[in-house]
């Protein structure tokens, strides 16, 4: 009887915690998977990039700041190097980019590219 009561109390506690967690859930950032054909890299660190979510979607502009991070194959690079590497990719129809947009500040916090043609160590 004691064991049965303990299990019931444990299940009740887990249910209560689960409901609390659901109520507190809030989306803070959105990530977009973008083809290189549908992407225009920012020119300056305090400018904007242009991208579209799909080939038929309208182009949208998202703000970048000096705090925006750029990564290629997992390695941090500066904007100038990122632009050079993006321009060097030949197959522009692959969804090789991920753009992470922070919703509350309305700015891009990360742009990451996977370059399958790059040498990996």
PDB file of N, CA and C in Angstrom:
ATOM      1  N   UNK A   1       0.821  -1.197   0.000  1.00  0.00           N
ATOM      2  CA  UNK A   1       0.000   0.000   0.000  1.00  0.00           C
ATOM      3  C   UNK A   1       0.863   1.259   0.000  1.00  0.00           C
ATOM      4  N   UNK A   2       1.910   1.272   0.830  1.00  0.00           N
ATOM      5  CA  UNK A   2       2.806   2.426   0.908  1.00  0.00           C
ATOM      6  C   UNK A   2       3.510   2.651  -0.433  1.00  0.00           C
ATOM      7  N   UNK A   3       3.932   1.561  -1.052  1.00  0.00           N
ATOM      8  CA  UNK A   3       4.603   1.660  -2.350  1.00  0.00           C
ATOM      9  C   UNK A   3       3.645   2.224  -3.405  1.00  0.00           C
ATOM     10  N   UNK A   4       2.419   1.777  -3.408  1.00  0.00           N
ATOM     11  CA  UNK A   4       1.416   2.245  -4.361  1.00  0.00           C
ATOM     12  C   UNK A   4       1.155   3.742  -4.160  1.00  0.00           C
ATOM     13  N   UNK A   5       1.077   4.185  -2.930  1.00  0.00           N
ATOM     14  CA  UNK A   5       0.859   5.598  -2.621  1.00  0.00           C
ATOM     15  C   UNK A   5       2.042   6.432  -3.083  1.00  0.00           C
ATOM     16  N   UNK A   6       3.252   5.932  -2.880  1.00  0.00           N
ATOM     17  CA  UNK A   6       4.466   6.637  -3.300  1.00  0.00           C
ATOM     18  C   UNK A   6       4.487   6.806  -4.818  1.00  0.00           C
ATOM     19  N   UNK A   7       4.126   5.777  -5.543  1.00  0.00           N
ATOM     20  CA  UNK A   7       4.098   5.845  -7.010  1.00  0.00           C
ATOM     21  C   UNK A   7       3.051   6.854  -7.478  1.00  0.00           C
ATOM     22  N   UNK A   8       1.898   6.839  -6.856  1.00  0.00           N
ATOM     23  CA  UNK A   8       0.839   7.775  -7.234  1.00  0.00           C
ATOM     24  C   UNK A   8       1.287   9.214  -6.976  1.00  0.00           C
ATOM     25  N   UNK A   9       1.925   9.466  -5.835  1.00  0.00           N
ATOM     26  CA  UNK A   9       2.423  10.815  -5.522  1.00  0.00           C
ATOM     27  C   UNK A   9       3.513  11.239  -6.501  1.00  0.00           C
ATOM     28  N   UNK A  10       4.393  10.310  -6.842  1.00  0.00           N
ATOM     29  CA  UNK A  10       5.464  10.619  -7.795  1.00  0.00           C
ATOM     30  C   UNK A  10       4.875  10.966  -9.159  1.00  0.00           C
ATOM     31  N   UNK A  11       3.893  10.217  -9.623  1.00  0.00           N
ATOM     32  CA  UNK A  11       3.248  10.509 -10.906  1.00  0.00           C
ATOM     33  C   UNK A  11       2.521  11.850 -10.870  1.00  0.00           C
ATOM     34  N   UNK A  12       1.872  12.154  -9.765  1.00  0.00           N
ATOM     35  CA  UNK A  12       1.182  13.438  -9.625  1.00  0.00           C
ATOM     36  C   UNK A  12       2.177  14.594  -9.681  1.00  0.00           C
ATOM     37  N   UNK A  13       3.335  14.436  -9.027  1.00  0.00           N
ATOM     38  CA  UNK A  13       4.361  15.484  -9.039  1.00  0.00           C
ATOM     39  C   UNK A  13       4.910  15.674 -10.447  1.00  0.00           C
ATOM     40  N   UNK A  14       5.183  14.580 -11.151  1.00  0.00           N
ATOM     41  CA  UNK A  14       5.695  14.687 -12.519  1.00  0.00           C
ATOM     42  C   UNK A  14       4.690  15.367 -13.440  1.00  0.00           C
ATOM     43  N   UNK A  15       3.433  15.065 -13.281  1.00  0.00           N
ATOM     44  CA  UNK A  15       2.380  15.694 -14.078  1.00  0.00           C
ATOM     45  C   UNK A  15       2.322  17.187 -13.803  1.00  0.00           C
ATOM     46  N   UNK A  16       2.435  17.563 -12.545  1.00  0.00           N
ATOM     47  CA  UNK A  16       2.391  18.986 -12.181  1.00  0.00           C
ATOM     48  C   UNK A  16       3.583  19.729 -12.776  1.00  0.00           C
ATOM     49  N   UNK A  17       4.782  19.135 -12.704  1.00  0.00           N
ATOM     50  CA  UNK A  17       5.968  19.780 -13.281  1.00  0.00           C
ATOM     51  C   UNK A  17       5.850  19.889 -14.787  1.00  0.00           C
ATOM     52  N   UNK A  18       5.299  18.877 -15.427  1.00  0.00           N
ATOM     53  CA  UNK A  18       5.125  18.892 -16.880  1.00  0.00           C
ATOM     54  C   UNK A  18       4.201  20.006 -17.328  1.00  0.00           C
ATOM     55  N   UNK A  19       3.130  20.242 -16.598  1.00  0.00           N
ATOM     56  CA  UNK A  19       2.195  21.306 -16.953  1.00  0.00           C
ATOM     57  C   UNK A  19       2.827  22.673 -16.764  1.00  0.00           C
ATOM     58  N   UNK A  20       3.639  22.833 -15.737  1.00  0.00           N
ATOM     59  CA  UNK A  20       4.316  24.108 -15.499  1.00  0.00           C
ATOM     60  C   UNK A  20       5.303  24.396 -16.627  1.00  0.00           C
ATOM     61  N   UNK A  21       6.046  23.386 -17.043  1.00  0.00           N
ATOM     62  CA  UNK A  21       7.028  23.579 -18.107  1.00  0.00           C
ATOM     63  C   UNK A  21       6.340  23.970 -19.411  1.00  0.00           C
ATOM     64  N   UNK A  22       5.205  23.365 -19.726  1.00  0.00           N
ATOM     65  CA  UNK A  22       4.478  23.711 -20.944  1.00  0.00           C
ATOM     66  C   UNK A  22       4.019  25.163 -20.922  1.00  0.00           C
ATOM     67  N   UNK A  23       3.595  25.634 -19.791  1.00  0.00           N
ATOM     68  CA  UNK A  23       3.075  26.994 -19.675  1.00  0.00           C
ATOM     69  C   UNK A  23       4.175  28.036 -19.831  1.00  0.00           C
ATOM     70  N   UNK A  24       5.430  27.680 -19.489  1.00  0.00           N
ATOM     71  CA  UNK A  24       6.539  28.627 -19.534  1.00  0.00           C
ATOM     72  C   UNK A  24       7.288  28.615 -20.869  1.00  0.00           C
ATOM     73  N   UNK A  25       6.905  27.771 -21.789  1.00  0.00           N
ATOM     74  CA  UNK A  25       7.612  27.645 -23.058  1.00  0.00           C
ATOM     75  C   UNK A  25       7.435  28.903 -23.907  1.00  0.00           C
ATOM     76  N   UNK A  26       8.557  29.451 -24.392  1.00  0.00           N
ATOM     77  CA  UNK A  26       8.506  30.654 -25.222  1.00  0.00           C
ATOM     78  C   UNK A  26       9.602  30.564 -26.286  1.00  0.00           C
ATOM     79  N   UNK A  27       9.253  30.807 -27.526  1.00  0.00           N
ATOM     80  CA  UNK A  27      10.226  30.799 -28.607  1.00  0.00           C
ATOM     81  C   UNK A  27      11.007  32.100 -28.574  1.00  0.00           C
ATOM     82  N   UNK A  28      12.336  31.995 -28.527  1.00  0.00           N
ATOM     83  CA  UNK A  28      13.170  33.197 -28.468  1.00  0.00           C
ATOM     84  C   UNK A  28      13.968  33.423 -29.747  1.00  0.00           C
ATOM     85  N   UNK A  29      14.142  32.370 -30.537  1.00  0.00           N
ATOM     86  CA  UNK A  29      14.900  32.502 -31.784  1.00  0.00           C
ATOM     87  C   UNK A  29      14.299  31.572 -32.826  1.00  0.00           C
ATOM     88  N   UNK A  30      14.524  31.928 -34.071  1.00  0.00           N
ATOM     89  CA  UNK A  30      14.053  31.101 -35.182  1.00  0.00           C
ATOM     90  C   UNK A  30      15.231  30.842 -36.103  1.00  0.00           C
ATOM     91  N   UNK A  31      15.370  29.608 -36.545  1.00  0.00           N
ATOM     92  CA  UNK A  31      16.445  29.247 -37.458  1.00  0.00           C
ATOM     93  C   UNK A  31      15.863  28.966 -38.834  1.00  0.00           C
ATOM     94  N   UNK A  32      16.522  29.470 -39.851  1.00  0.00           N
ATOM     95  CA  UNK A  32      16.109  29.266 -41.237  1.00  0.00           C
ATOM     96  C   UNK A  32      17.192  28.467 -41.942  1.00  0.00           C
ATOM     97  N   UNK A  33      16.789  27.476 -42.716  1.00  0.00           N
ATOM     98  CA  UNK A  33      17.698  26.752 -43.589  1.00  0.00           C
ATOM     99  C   UNK A  33      17.548  27.360 -44.971  1.00  0.00           C
ATOM    100  N   UNK A  34      18.642  27.880 -45.505  1.00  0.00           N
ATOM    101  CA  UNK A  34      18.565  28.701 -46.716  1.00  0.00           C
ATOM    102  C   UNK A  34      19.535  28.186 -47.777  1.00  0.00           C
ATOM    103  N   UNK A  35      19.077  28.165 -49.024  1.00  0.00           N
ATOM    104  CA  UNK A  35      19.961  27.854 -50.151  1.00  0.00           C
ATOM    105  C   UNK A  35      20.803  29.088 -50.461  1.00  0.00           C
ATOM    106  N   UNK A  36      22.001  28.864 -50.961  1.00  0.00           N
ATOM    107  CA  UNK A  36      22.870  29.996 -51.305  1.00  0.00           C
ATOM    108  C   UNK A  36      22.256  30.885 -52.387  1.00  0.00           C
ATOM    109  N   UNK A  37      21.461  30.289 -53.289  1.00  0.00           N
ATOM    110  CA  UNK A  37      20.774  31.088 -54.312  1.00  0.00           C
ATOM    111  C   UNK A  37      19.786  32.077 -53.708  1.00  0.00           C
ATOM    112  N   UNK A  38      19.308  31.782 -52.510  1.00  0.00           N
ATOM    113  CA  UNK A  38      18.295  32.602 -51.853  1.00  0.00           C
ATOM    114  C   UNK A  38      18.881  33.435 -50.714  1.00  0.00           C
ATOM    115  N   UNK A  39      20.170  33.727 -50.791  1.00  0.00           N
ATOM    116  CA  UNK A  39      20.863  34.422 -49.710  1.00  0.00           C
ATOM    117  C   UNK A  39      21.795  35.498 -50.250  1.00  0.00           C
ATOM    118  N   UNK A  40      21.799  36.639 -49.591  1.00  0.00           N
ATOM    119  CA  UNK A  40      22.750  37.715 -49.883  1.00  0.00           C
ATOM    120  C   UNK A  40      23.421  38.092 -48.573  1.00  0.00           C
ATOM    121  N   UNK A  41      24.724  37.895 -48.509  1.00  0.00           N
ATOM    122  CA  UNK A  41      25.481  38.168 -47.283  1.00  0.00           C
ATOM    123  C   UNK A  41      25.531  39.671 -47.012  1.00  0.00           C
ATOM    124  N   UNK A  42      25.624  40.044 -45.749  1.00  0.00           N
ATOM    125  CA  UNK A  42      25.746  41.465 -45.432  1.00  0.00           C
ATOM    126  C   UNK A  42      27.081  42.017 -45.937  1.00  0.00           C
ATOM    127  N   UNK A  43      27.091  43.286 -46.250  1.00  0.00           N
ATOM    128  CA  UNK A  43      28.315  43.941 -46.725  1.00  0.00           C
ATOM    129  C   UNK A  43      29.128  44.450 -45.539  1.00  0.00           C
ATOM    130  N   UNK A  44      28.437  44.927 -44.514  1.00  0.00           N
ATOM    131  CA  UNK A  44      29.112  45.441 -43.324  1.00  0.00           C
ATOM    132  C   UNK A  44      28.585  44.724 -42.086  1.00  0.00           C
ATOM    133  N   UNK A  45      29.311  44.850 -40.988  1.00  0.00           N
ATOM    134  CA  UNK A  45      28.903  44.187 -39.747  1.00  0.00           C
ATOM    135  C   UNK A  45      27.684  44.842 -39.107  1.00  0.00           C
ATOM    136  N   UNK A  46      27.357  46.056 -39.506  1.00  0.00           N
ATOM    137  CA  UNK A  46      26.170  46.742 -38.979  1.00  0.00           C
ATOM    138  C   UNK A  46      25.200  47.036 -40.110  1.00  0.00           C
ATOM    139  N   UNK A  47      24.819  46.011 -40.802  1.00  0.00           N
ATOM    140  CA  UNK A  47      23.917  46.173 -41.935  1.00  0.00           C
ATOM    141  C   UNK A  47      22.802  45.163 -41.897  1.00  0.00           C
ATOM    142  N   UNK A  48      22.566  44.539 -43.037  1.00  0.00           N
ATOM    143  CA  UNK A  48      21.523  43.523 -43.095  1.00  0.00           C
ATOM    144  C   UNK A  48      21.898  42.472 -44.127  1.00  0.00           C
ATOM    145  N   UNK A  49      21.318  41.305 -43.953  1.00  0.00           N
ATOM    146  CA  UNK A  49      21.437  40.265 -44.965  1.00  0.00           C
ATOM    147  C   UNK A  49      20.070  40.118 -45.607  1.00  0.00           C
ATOM    148  N   UNK A  50      20.042  39.540 -46.777  1.00  0.00           N
ATOM    149  CA  UNK A  50      18.772  39.289 -47.460  1.00  0.00           C
ATOM    150  C   UNK A  50      18.667  37.788 -47.689  1.00  0.00           C
ATOM    151  N   UNK A  51      17.463  37.262 -47.483  1.00  0.00           N
ATOM    152  CA  UNK A  51      17.244  35.827 -47.665  1.00  0.00           C
ATOM    153  C   UNK A  51      15.774  35.563 -47.922  1.00  0.00           C
ATOM    154  N   UNK A  52      15.523  34.409 -48.479  1.00  0.00           N
ATOM    155  CA  UNK A  52      14.142  33.954 -48.620  1.00  0.00           C
ATOM    156  C   UNK A  52      14.072  32.530 -48.094  1.00  0.00           C
ATOM    157  N   UNK A  53      12.943  32.227 -47.458  1.00  0.00           N
ATOM    158  CA  UNK A  53      12.763  30.908 -46.846  1.00  0.00           C
ATOM    159  C   UNK A  53      12.580  29.808 -47.881  1.00  0.00           C
ATOM    160  N   UNK A  54      12.032  30.148 -49.040  1.00  0.00           N
ATOM    161  CA  UNK A  54      11.847  29.180 -50.122  1.00  0.00           C
ATOM    162  C   UNK A  54      12.008  29.925 -51.443  1.00  0.00           C
ATOM    163  N   UNK A  55      12.147  29.196 -52.522  1.00  0.00           N
ATOM    164  CA  UNK A  55      12.369  29.827 -53.827  1.00  0.00           C
ATOM    165  C   UNK A  55      11.224  30.729 -54.254  1.00  0.00           C
ATOM    166  N   UNK A  56      10.005  30.398 -53.822  1.00  0.00           N
ATOM    167  CA  UNK A  56       8.836  31.194 -54.189  1.00  0.00           C
ATOM    168  C   UNK A  56       8.533  32.298 -53.165  1.00  0.00           C
ATOM    169  N   UNK A  57       9.173  32.256 -52.016  1.00  0.00           N
ATOM    170  CA  UNK A  57       8.925  33.236 -50.946  1.00  0.00           C
ATOM    171  C   UNK A  57       9.564  34.579 -51.291  1.00  0.00           C
ATOM    172  N   UNK A  58       9.000  35.661 -50.763  1.00  0.00           N
ATOM    173  CA  UNK A  58       9.608  36.968 -51.004  1.00  0.00           C
ATOM    174  C   UNK A  58      10.923  37.107 -50.238  1.00  0.00           C
ATOM    175  N   UNK A  59      11.825  37.902 -50.787  1.00  0.00           N
ATOM    176  CA  UNK A  59      13.091  38.189 -50.127  1.00  0.00           C
ATOM    177  C   UNK A  59      12.798  39.019 -48.880  1.00  0.00           C
ATOM    178  N   UNK A  60      13.469  38.709 -47.787  1.00  0.00           N
ATOM    179  CA  UNK A  60      13.315  39.510 -46.574  1.00  0.00           C
ATOM    180  C   UNK A  60      14.683  39.955 -46.086  1.00  0.00           C
ATOM    181  N   UNK A  61      14.705  41.078 -45.423  1.00  0.00           N
ATOM    182  CA  UNK A  61      15.932  41.651 -44.915  1.00  0.00           C
ATOM    183  C   UNK A  61      15.972  41.478 -43.403  1.00  0.00           C
ATOM    184  N   UNK A  62      17.094  40.998 -42.885  1.00  0.00           N
ATOM    185  CA  UNK A  62      17.271  40.824 -41.449  1.00  0.00           C
ATOM    186  C   UNK A  62      18.525  41.569 -41.004  1.00  0.00           C
ATOM    187  N   UNK A  63      18.430  42.215 -39.861  1.00  0.00           N
ATOM    188  CA  UNK A  63      19.519  43.060 -39.361  1.00  0.00           C
ATOM    189  C   UNK A  63      20.647  42.224 -38.765  1.00  0.00           C
ATOM    190  N   UNK A  64      21.875  42.607 -39.070  1.00  0.00           N
ATOM    191  CA  UNK A  64      23.064  42.035 -38.435  1.00  0.00           C
ATOM    192  C   UNK A  64      23.756  43.140 -37.644  1.00  0.00           C
ATOM    193  N   UNK A  65      24.514  42.741 -36.648  1.00  0.00           N
ATOM    194  CA  UNK A  65      25.256  43.684 -35.813  1.00  0.00           C
ATOM    195  C   UNK A  65      26.688  43.175 -35.675  1.00  0.00           C
ATOM    196  N   UNK A  66      27.565  43.952 -35.060  1.00  0.00           N
ATOM    197  CA  UNK A  66      28.919  43.448 -34.811  1.00  0.00           C
ATOM    198  C   UNK A  66      28.934  42.195 -33.922  1.00  0.00           C
ATOM    199  N   UNK A  67      27.841  41.939 -33.198  1.00  0.00           N
ATOM    200  CA  UNK A  67      27.751  40.737 -32.363  1.00  0.00           C
ATOM    201  C   UNK A  67      27.320  39.493 -33.135  1.00  0.00           C
ATOM    202  N   UNK A  68      26.879  39.650 -34.382  1.00  0.00           N
ATOM    203  CA  UNK A  68      26.491  38.493 -35.199  1.00  0.00           C
ATOM    204  C   UNK A  68      27.719  37.620 -35.417  1.00  0.00           C
ATOM    205  N   UNK A  69      27.544  36.324 -35.247  1.00  0.00           N
ATOM    206  CA  UNK A  69      28.643  35.367 -35.412  1.00  0.00           C
ATOM    207  C   UNK A  69      28.496  34.654 -36.760  1.00  0.00           C
ATOM    208  N   UNK A  70      29.642  34.380 -37.373  1.00  0.00           N
ATOM    209  CA  UNK A  70      29.691  33.668 -38.650  1.00  0.00           C
ATOM    210  C   UNK A  70      30.536  32.416 -38.460  1.00  0.00           C
ATOM    211  N   UNK A  71      30.016  31.292 -38.985  1.00  0.00           N
ATOM    212  CA  UNK A  71      30.730  30.021 -38.870  1.00  0.00           C
ATOM    213  C   UNK A  71      30.712  29.305 -40.220  1.00  0.00           C
ATOM    214  N   UNK A  72      31.825  28.648 -40.517  1.00  0.00           N
ATOM    215  CA  UNK A  72      31.922  27.815 -41.712  1.00  0.00           C
ATOM    216  C   UNK A  72      32.493  26.478 -41.272  1.00  0.00           C
ATOM    217  N   UNK A  73      31.744  25.421 -41.523  1.00  0.00           N
ATOM    218  CA  UNK A  73      32.125  24.065 -41.110  1.00  0.00           C
ATOM    219  C   UNK A  73      32.473  24.010 -39.624  1.00  0.00           C
ATOM    220  N   UNK A  74      31.746  24.775 -38.823  1.00  0.00           N
ATOM    221  CA  UNK A  74      31.946  24.764 -37.380  1.00  0.00           C
ATOM    222  C   UNK A  74      33.008  25.715 -36.864  1.00  0.00           C
ATOM    223  N   UNK A  75      33.753  26.348 -37.768  1.00  0.00           N
ATOM    224  CA  UNK A  75      34.824  27.256 -37.365  1.00  0.00           C
ATOM    225  C   UNK A  75      34.366  28.711 -37.440  1.00  0.00           C
ATOM    226  N   UNK A  76      34.701  29.486 -36.415  1.00  0.00           N
ATOM    227  CA  UNK A  76      34.359  30.905 -36.403  1.00  0.00           C
ATOM    228  C   UNK A  76      35.217  31.642 -37.421  1.00  0.00           C
ATOM    229  N   UNK A  77      34.569  32.509 -38.204  1.00  0.00           N
ATOM    230  CA  UNK A  77      35.272  33.351 -39.172  1.00  0.00           C
ATOM    231  C   UNK A  77      34.695  34.760 -39.084  1.00  0.00           C
ATOM    232  N   UNK A  78      35.452  35.730 -39.574  1.00  0.00           N
ATOM    233  CA  UNK A  78      34.904  37.088 -39.606  1.00  0.00           C
ATOM    234  C   UNK A  78      34.058  37.258 -40.870  1.00  0.00           C
ATOM    235  N   UNK A  79      33.358  38.376 -40.971  1.00  0.00           N
ATOM    236  CA  UNK A  79      32.441  38.596 -42.091  1.00  0.00           C
ATOM    237  C   UNK A  79      33.164  38.573 -43.429  1.00  0.00           C
ATOM    238  N   UNK A  80      34.331  39.184 -43.501  1.00  0.00           N
ATOM    239  CA  UNK A  80      35.073  39.228 -44.767  1.00  0.00           C
ATOM    240  C   UNK A  80      35.402  37.818 -45.255  1.00  0.00           C
ATOM    241  N   UNK A  81      35.878  36.955 -44.362  1.00  0.00           N
ATOM    242  CA  UNK A  81      36.196  35.574 -44.719  1.00  0.00           C
ATOM    243  C   UNK A  81      34.929  34.793 -45.049  1.00  0.00           C
ATOM    244  N   UNK A  82      33.868  35.033 -44.313  1.00  0.00           N
ATOM    245  CA  UNK A  82      32.594  34.374 -44.585  1.00  0.00           C
ATOM    246  C   UNK A  82      32.110  34.702 -45.994  1.00  0.00           C
ATOM    247  N   UNK A  83      32.150  35.974 -46.360  1.00  0.00           N
ATOM    248  CA  UNK A  83      31.726  36.390 -47.701  1.00  0.00           C
ATOM    249  C   UNK A  83      32.577  35.717 -48.777  1.00  0.00           C
ATOM    250  N   UNK A  84      33.886  35.646 -48.561  1.00  0.00           N
ATOM    251  CA  UNK A  84      34.787  35.019 -49.529  1.00  0.00           C
ATOM    252  C   UNK A  84      34.441  33.542 -49.707  1.00  0.00           C
ATOM    253  N   UNK A  85      34.193  32.852 -48.599  1.00  0.00           N
ATOM    254  CA  UNK A  85      33.881  31.422 -48.670  1.00  0.00           C
ATOM    255  C   UNK A  85      32.511  31.161 -49.287  1.00  0.00           C
ATOM    256  N   UNK A  86      31.552  32.015 -49.010  1.00  0.00           N
ATOM    257  CA  UNK A  86      30.218  31.879 -49.618  1.00  0.00           C
ATOM    258  C   UNK A  86      30.322  32.051 -51.130  1.00  0.00           C
ATOM    259  N   UNK A  87      31.076  33.042 -51.564  1.00  0.00           N
ATOM    260  CA  UNK A  87      31.202  33.298 -53.003  1.00  0.00           C
ATOM    261  C   UNK A  87      31.930  32.175 -53.732  1.00  0.00           C
ATOM    262  N   UNK A  88      32.752  31.406 -53.018  1.00  0.00           N
ATOM    263  CA  UNK A  88      33.529  30.335 -53.642  1.00  0.00           C
ATOM    264  C   UNK A  88      32.729  29.052 -53.863  1.00  0.00           C
ATOM    265  N   UNK A  89      31.579  28.922 -53.230  1.00  0.00           N
ATOM    266  CA  UNK A  89      30.780  27.692 -53.362  1.00  0.00           C
ATOM    267  C   UNK A  89      30.132  27.650 -54.747  1.00  0.00           C
ATOM    268  N   UNK A  90      30.289  26.530 -55.437  1.00  0.00           N
ATOM    269  CA  UNK A  90      29.754  26.404 -56.798  1.00  0.00           C
ATOM    270  C   UNK A  90      28.289  25.973 -56.835  1.00  0.00           C
ATOM    271  N   UNK A  91      27.921  24.962 -56.054  1.00  0.00           N
ATOM    272  CA  UNK A  91      26.549  24.446 -56.061  1.00  0.00           C
ATOM    273  C   UNK A  91      25.689  25.309 -55.146  1.00  0.00           C
ATOM    274  N   UNK A  92      24.986  26.266 -55.717  1.00  0.00           N
ATOM    275  CA  UNK A  92      24.254  27.262 -54.941  1.00  0.00           C
ATOM    276  C   UNK A  92      22.813  26.842 -54.640  1.00  0.00           C
ATOM    277  N   UNK A  93      22.428  25.627 -55.063  1.00  0.00           N
ATOM    278  CA  UNK A  93      21.068  25.146 -54.794  1.00  0.00           C
ATOM    279  C   UNK A  93      20.970  24.274 -53.556  1.00  0.00           C
ATOM    280  N   UNK A  94      22.054  24.066 -52.894  1.00  0.00           N
ATOM    281  CA  UNK A  94      22.034  23.250 -51.674  1.00  0.00           C
ATOM    282  C   UNK A  94      21.626  24.119 -50.483  1.00  0.00           C
ATOM    283  N   UNK A  95      20.870  23.558 -49.549  1.00  0.00           N
ATOM    284  CA  UNK A  95      20.536  24.320 -48.335  1.00  0.00           C
ATOM    285  C   UNK A  95      21.692  24.266 -47.339  1.00  0.00           C
ATOM    286  N   UNK A  96      22.737  24.997 -47.655  1.00  0.00           N
ATOM    287  CA  UNK A  96      23.966  24.938 -46.867  1.00  0.00           C
ATOM    288  C   UNK A  96      24.062  25.989 -45.770  1.00  0.00           C
ATOM    289  N   UNK A  97      23.112  26.888 -45.691  1.00  0.00           N
ATOM    290  CA  UNK A  97      23.181  27.967 -44.709  1.00  0.00           C
ATOM    291  C   UNK A  97      22.108  27.823 -43.643  1.00  0.00           C
ATOM    292  N   UNK A  98      22.471  28.196 -42.433  1.00  0.00           N
ATOM    293  CA  UNK A  98      21.502  28.328 -41.354  1.00  0.00           C
ATOM    294  C   UNK A  98      21.625  29.749 -40.825  1.00  0.00           C
ATOM    295  N   UNK A  99      20.498  30.449 -40.797  1.00  0.00           N
ATOM    296  CA  UNK A  99      20.441  31.807 -40.269  1.00  0.00           C
ATOM    297  C   UNK A  99      19.613  31.744 -38.997  1.00  0.00           C
ATOM    298  N   UNK A 100      20.213  32.147 -37.886  1.00  0.00           N
ATOM    299  CA  UNK A 100      19.505  32.133 -36.597  1.00  0.00           C
ATOM    300  C   UNK A 100      19.133  33.566 -36.231  1.00  0.00           C
ATOM    301  N   UNK A 101      17.827  33.800 -36.111  1.00  0.00           N
ATOM    302  CA  UNK A 101      17.268  35.135 -35.898  1.00  0.00           C
ATOM    303  C   UNK A 101      16.686  35.235 -34.498  1.00  0.00           C
ATOM    304  N   UNK A 102      17.206  36.149 -33.678  1.00  0.00           N
ATOM    305  CA  UNK A 102      16.678  36.379 -32.328  1.00  0.00           C
ATOM    306  C   UNK A 102      15.449  37.261 -32.455  1.00  0.00           C
ATOM    307  N   UNK A 103      14.304  36.763 -32.029  1.00  0.00           N
ATOM    308  CA  UNK A 103      13.036  37.435 -32.297  1.00  0.00           C
ATOM    309  C   UNK A 103      12.845  38.717 -31.490  1.00  0.00           C
ATOM    310  N   UNK A 104      13.168  38.707 -30.204  1.00  0.00           N
ATOM    311  CA  UNK A 104      12.920  39.886 -29.365  1.00  0.00           C
ATOM    312  C   UNK A 104      13.766  41.084 -29.791  1.00  0.00           C
ATOM    313  N   UNK A 105      15.027  40.846 -30.138  1.00  0.00           N
ATOM    314  CA  UNK A 105      15.901  41.947 -30.556  1.00  0.00           C
ATOM    315  C   UNK A 105      15.831  42.196 -32.061  1.00  0.00           C
ATOM    316  N   UNK A 106      15.159  41.304 -32.789  1.00  0.00           N
ATOM    317  CA  UNK A 106      15.012  41.393 -34.243  1.00  0.00           C
ATOM    318  C   UNK A 106      16.363  41.554 -34.931  1.00  0.00           C
ATOM    319  N   UNK A 107      17.291  40.671 -34.566  1.00  0.00           N
ATOM    320  CA  UNK A 107      18.610  40.692 -35.201  1.00  0.00           C
ATOM    321  C   UNK A 107      19.122  39.269 -35.396  1.00  0.00           C
ATOM    322  N   UNK A 108      19.990  39.121 -36.361  1.00  0.00           N
ATOM    323  CA  UNK A 108      20.607  37.821 -36.635  1.00  0.00           C
ATOM    324  C   UNK A 108      21.731  37.615 -35.631  1.00  0.00           C
ATOM    325  N   UNK A 109      21.733  36.466 -34.982  1.00  0.00           N
ATOM    326  CA  UNK A 109      22.786  36.194 -34.019  1.00  0.00           C
ATOM    327  C   UNK A 109      23.822  35.200 -34.547  1.00  0.00           C
ATOM    328  N   UNK A 110      23.460  34.452 -35.604  1.00  0.00           N
ATOM    329  CA  UNK A 110      24.395  33.480 -36.165  1.00  0.00           C
ATOM    330  C   UNK A 110      24.058  33.210 -37.626  1.00  0.00           C
ATOM    331  N   UNK A 111      25.099  33.134 -38.435  1.00  0.00           N
ATOM    332  CA  UNK A 111      24.964  32.635 -39.803  1.00  0.00           C
ATOM    333  C   UNK A 111      26.022  31.543 -39.942  1.00  0.00           C
ATOM    334  N   UNK A 112      25.579  30.329 -40.249  1.00  0.00           N
ATOM    335  CA  UNK A 112      26.494  29.195 -40.343  1.00  0.00           C
ATOM    336  C   UNK A 112      26.366  28.536 -41.708  1.00  0.00           C
ATOM    337  N   UNK A 113      27.510  28.144 -42.267  1.00  0.00           N
ATOM    338  CA  UNK A 113      27.522  27.490 -43.572  1.00  0.00           C
ATOM    339  C   UNK A 113      28.270  26.169 -43.469  1.00  0.00           C
ATOM    340  N   UNK A 114      27.720  25.160 -44.112  1.00  0.00           N
ATOM    341  CA  UNK A 114      28.414  23.890 -44.288  1.00  0.00           C
ATOM    342  C   UNK A 114      28.879  23.857 -45.735  1.00  0.00           C
ATOM    343  N   UNK A 115      30.176  23.758 -45.919  1.00  0.00           N
ATOM    344  CA  UNK A 115      30.734  23.688 -47.269  1.00  0.00           C
ATOM    345  C   UNK A 115      31.238  22.271 -47.501  1.00  0.00           C
ATOM    346  N   UNK A 116      30.453  21.451 -48.223  1.00  0.00           N
ATOM    347  CA  UNK A 116      30.847  20.056 -48.419  1.00  0.00           C
ATOM    348  C   UNK A 116      32.110  19.916 -49.266  1.00  0.00           C
ATOM    349  N   UNK A 117      32.493  20.946 -49.976  1.00  0.00           N
ATOM    350  CA  UNK A 117      33.697  20.876 -50.807  1.00  0.00           C
ATOM    351  C   UNK A 117      34.962  21.260 -50.083  1.00  0.00           C
ATOM    352  N   UNK A 118      34.855  21.754 -48.853  1.00  0.00           N
ATOM    353  CA  UNK A 118      36.023  22.193 -48.114  1.00  0.00           C
ATOM    354  C   UNK A 118      36.751  20.999 -47.503  1.00  0.00           C
ATOM    355  N   UNK A 119      38.064  21.135 -47.363  1.00  0.00           N
ATOM    356  CA  UNK A 119      38.840  20.107 -46.696  1.00  0.00           C
ATOM    357  C   UNK A 119      38.528  20.125 -45.208  1.00  0.00           C
ATOM    358  N   UNK A 120      38.284  18.959 -44.669  1.00  0.00           N
ATOM    359  CA  UNK A 120      38.009  18.843 -43.247  1.00  0.00           C
ATOM    360  C   UNK A 120      39.097  18.001 -42.607  1.00  0.00           C
ATOM    361  N   UNK A 121      39.609  18.458 -41.499  1.00  0.00           N
ATOM    362  CA  UNK A 121      40.671  17.717 -40.798  1.00  0.00           C
ATOM    363  C   UNK A 121      40.083  16.803 -39.763  1.00  0.00           C
TER     364      UNK A 121
END
